[in-house]
């Protein structure tokens, strides 16, 4: 998982400063941007993607990960490919090997890399990084996590 510089500032802020930062950000300027996607005829949200520099074997695993997400959510993935003359959408996920397993959190705009390097081209890891690209973050790292105190009663 990779964060934008702005997301990093939010993650590193102390609780008092974080509260103010979250209030200042508001809904017009979200820290994690949602995908601006269209609904299809099944009323599912469509996220375009491209598979690049990935073998047929690994393409199948990535496609299985996307299918798994489709089965459990209102999201549908649609593959786009420049080699067949398909118009590339403005924003899309590009699965490729950029070294390591990572993706930015939420929509960054334009071509968004989901890196599946050596040891990452498995269904679980592909699904995990795709969920980051869709805007999901690890719960223990979420913004505001440090705003709450947990008390254990004995």
Protein backbone atom coordinates (compact mmCIF):
# COMPACT_ATOMS: atom_id res chain seq x y z
CA UNK A 1 0.00 0.00 0.00
CA UNK A 2 1.28 3.44 -0.90
CA UNK A 3 -0.06 6.76 0.25
CA UNK A 4 -0.06 10.09 -1.52
CA UNK A 5 1.92 12.85 0.24
CA UNK A 6 -1.37 14.33 1.51
CA UNK A 7 -2.54 10.97 2.86
CA UNK A 8 0.83 10.56 4.59
CA UNK A 9 0.40 13.93 6.35
CA UNK A 10 -2.96 12.75 7.67
CA UNK A 11 -1.52 9.43 8.83
CA UNK A 12 1.34 11.11 10.69
CA UNK A 13 -0.70 13.87 12.33
CA UNK A 14 -1.15 13.89 16.09
CA UNK A 15 -4.77 13.40 17.28
CA UNK A 16 -5.52 17.07 17.99
CA UNK A 17 -4.13 18.21 14.62
CA UNK A 18 -5.80 15.30 12.83
CA UNK A 19 -9.23 16.33 14.08
CA UNK A 20 -8.72 19.80 12.63
CA UNK A 21 -7.32 18.43 9.36
CA UNK A 22 -10.33 16.13 8.93
CA UNK A 23 -12.76 18.99 9.60
CA UNK A 24 -10.91 21.26 7.16
CA UNK A 25 -10.84 18.62 4.42
CA UNK A 26 -14.62 18.18 4.35
CA UNK A 27 -16.50 16.24 1.70
CA UNK A 28 -15.40 18.51 -1.17
CA UNK A 29 -11.74 17.51 -0.82
CA UNK A 30 -11.62 13.91 0.46
CA UNK A 31 -8.38 12.38 1.68
CA UNK A 32 -9.18 9.12 -0.12
CA UNK A 33 -10.86 9.80 -3.45
CA UNK A 34 -13.66 7.60 -4.70
CA UNK A 35 -13.70 6.27 -8.22
CA UNK A 36 -15.79 8.49 -10.49
CA UNK A 37 -17.35 5.62 -12.37
CA UNK A 38 -20.56 4.97 -14.24
CA UNK A 39 -23.16 2.39 -13.41
CA UNK A 40 -23.84 -0.29 -15.98
CA UNK A 41 -27.20 -1.83 -16.89
CA UNK A 42 -26.99 -4.12 -13.84
CA UNK A 43 -26.56 -1.06 -11.58
CA UNK A 44 -23.06 -2.06 -10.59
CA UNK A 45 -20.17 0.42 -10.55
CA UNK A 46 -17.76 -0.18 -13.42
CA UNK A 47 -13.99 0.15 -12.90
CA UNK A 48 -11.86 -0.19 -16.06
CA UNK A 49 -8.56 -2.03 -15.87
CA UNK A 50 -5.65 -3.11 -18.04
CA UNK A 51 -3.35 -6.12 -17.62
CA UNK A 52 0.21 -5.34 -18.71
CA UNK A 53 3.41 -7.43 -18.67
CA UNK A 54 1.71 -10.29 -16.86
CA UNK A 55 1.83 -13.90 -18.14
CA UNK A 56 -1.34 -15.77 -19.13
CA UNK A 57 -1.09 -17.85 -15.95
CA UNK A 58 -0.92 -14.74 -13.78
CA UNK A 59 -3.59 -12.91 -15.79
CA UNK A 60 -5.95 -15.71 -14.81
CA UNK A 61 -5.16 -15.21 -11.13
CA UNK A 62 -5.70 -11.44 -11.36
CA UNK A 63 -8.97 -11.96 -13.21
CA UNK A 64 -10.04 -14.45 -10.52
CA UNK A 65 -9.29 -11.85 -7.85
CA UNK A 66 -11.38 -9.25 -9.68
CA UNK A 67 -14.19 -11.78 -10.10
CA UNK A 68 -14.07 -12.53 -6.36
CA UNK A 69 -14.46 -8.81 -5.59
CA UNK A 70 -17.32 -8.56 -8.10
CA UNK A 71 -19.16 -11.41 -6.40
CA UNK A 72 -19.09 -9.69 -3.00
CA UNK A 73 -19.57 -6.03 -3.99
CA UNK A 74 -21.48 -3.70 -6.30
CA UNK A 75 -18.34 -3.25 -8.42
CA UNK A 76 -17.79 -4.67 -11.90
CA UNK A 77 -14.42 -4.58 -13.64
CA UNK A 78 -14.14 -4.16 -17.38
CA UNK A 79 -10.90 -4.84 -19.25
CA UNK A 80 -9.59 -2.27 -21.69
CA UNK A 81 -6.70 -2.92 -24.05
CA UNK A 82 -4.92 -0.39 -26.24
CA UNK A 83 -3.69 -3.05 -28.66
CA UNK A 84 -7.24 -3.68 -29.88
CA UNK A 85 -7.94 0.02 -30.45
CA UNK A 86 -10.20 0.42 -27.43
CA UNK A 87 -10.45 4.01 -26.27
CA UNK A 88 -8.71 4.27 -22.94
CA UNK A 89 -10.82 5.75 -20.18
CA UNK A 90 -9.54 8.76 -18.29
CA UNK A 91 -9.10 6.80 -15.05
CA UNK A 92 -8.26 3.10 -14.95
CA UNK A 93 -6.26 0.49 -13.03
CA UNK A 94 -3.14 -0.87 -14.70
CA UNK A 95 -1.92 -4.19 -13.30
CA UNK A 96 1.81 -4.54 -13.96
CA UNK A 97 5.09 -5.47 -12.29
CA UNK A 98 6.75 -2.37 -10.83
CA UNK A 99 8.55 -4.34 -8.12
CA UNK A 100 6.72 -5.46 -5.01
CA UNK A 101 3.04 -5.60 -4.09
CA UNK A 102 1.50 -2.15 -3.85
CA UNK A 103 -1.14 0.28 -4.97
CA UNK A 104 -2.08 3.81 -3.97
CA UNK A 105 -5.17 4.09 -1.79
CA UNK A 106 -8.26 5.35 -3.62
CA UNK A 107 -8.46 6.91 -7.05
CA UNK A 108 -5.39 8.95 -7.95
CA UNK A 109 -6.57 9.90 -11.43
CA UNK A 110 -5.39 8.76 -14.84
CA UNK A 111 -3.53 5.48 -15.17
CA UNK A 112 -3.26 4.03 -11.67
CA UNK A 113 -0.63 1.35 -11.12
CA UNK A 114 -1.39 -1.81 -9.17
CA UNK A 115 2.02 -3.45 -8.88
CA UNK A 116 2.14 -7.21 -8.64
CA UNK A 117 5.84 -8.09 -8.55
CA UNK A 118 7.59 -11.36 -7.79
CA UNK A 119 5.55 -13.42 -5.32
CA UNK A 120 2.54 -11.11 -5.63
CA UNK A 121 0.71 -12.62 -8.59
CA UNK A 122 -1.65 -14.68 -6.45
CA UNK A 123 -5.39 -14.35 -6.04
CA UNK A 124 -5.26 -13.08 -2.45
CA UNK A 125 -2.51 -10.53 -3.01
CA UNK A 126 -4.09 -9.28 -6.24
CA UNK A 127 -7.44 -8.84 -4.45
CA UNK A 128 -5.73 -7.11 -1.51
CA UNK A 129 -3.95 -4.53 -3.69
CA UNK A 130 -7.07 -3.99 -5.80
CA UNK A 131 -9.05 -3.19 -2.66
CA UNK A 132 -6.43 -0.55 -1.77
CA UNK A 133 -6.85 0.97 -5.25
CA UNK A 134 -10.61 1.07 -4.66
CA UNK A 135 -10.04 3.07 -1.47
CA UNK A 136 -9.85 0.51 1.30
CA UNK A 137 -7.14 0.89 3.91
CA UNK A 138 -5.97 -1.39 6.72
CA UNK A 139 -8.21 -0.74 9.71
CA UNK A 140 -5.30 -0.26 12.12
CA UNK A 141 -3.90 2.41 9.79
CA UNK A 142 -7.10 4.30 9.04
CA UNK A 143 -7.28 8.04 9.49
CA UNK A 144 -8.71 8.80 12.88
CA UNK A 145 -7.77 5.45 14.38
CA UNK A 146 -5.61 7.27 16.90
CA UNK A 147 -8.52 9.55 17.87
CA UNK A 148 -10.05 6.77 19.92
CA UNK A 149 -8.85 5.21 23.11
CA UNK A 150 -9.65 1.62 23.92
CA UNK A 151 -10.25 0.61 27.52
CA UNK A 152 -10.22 -2.99 28.64
CA UNK A 153 -12.40 -3.69 31.65
CA UNK A 154 -11.32 -6.40 34.03
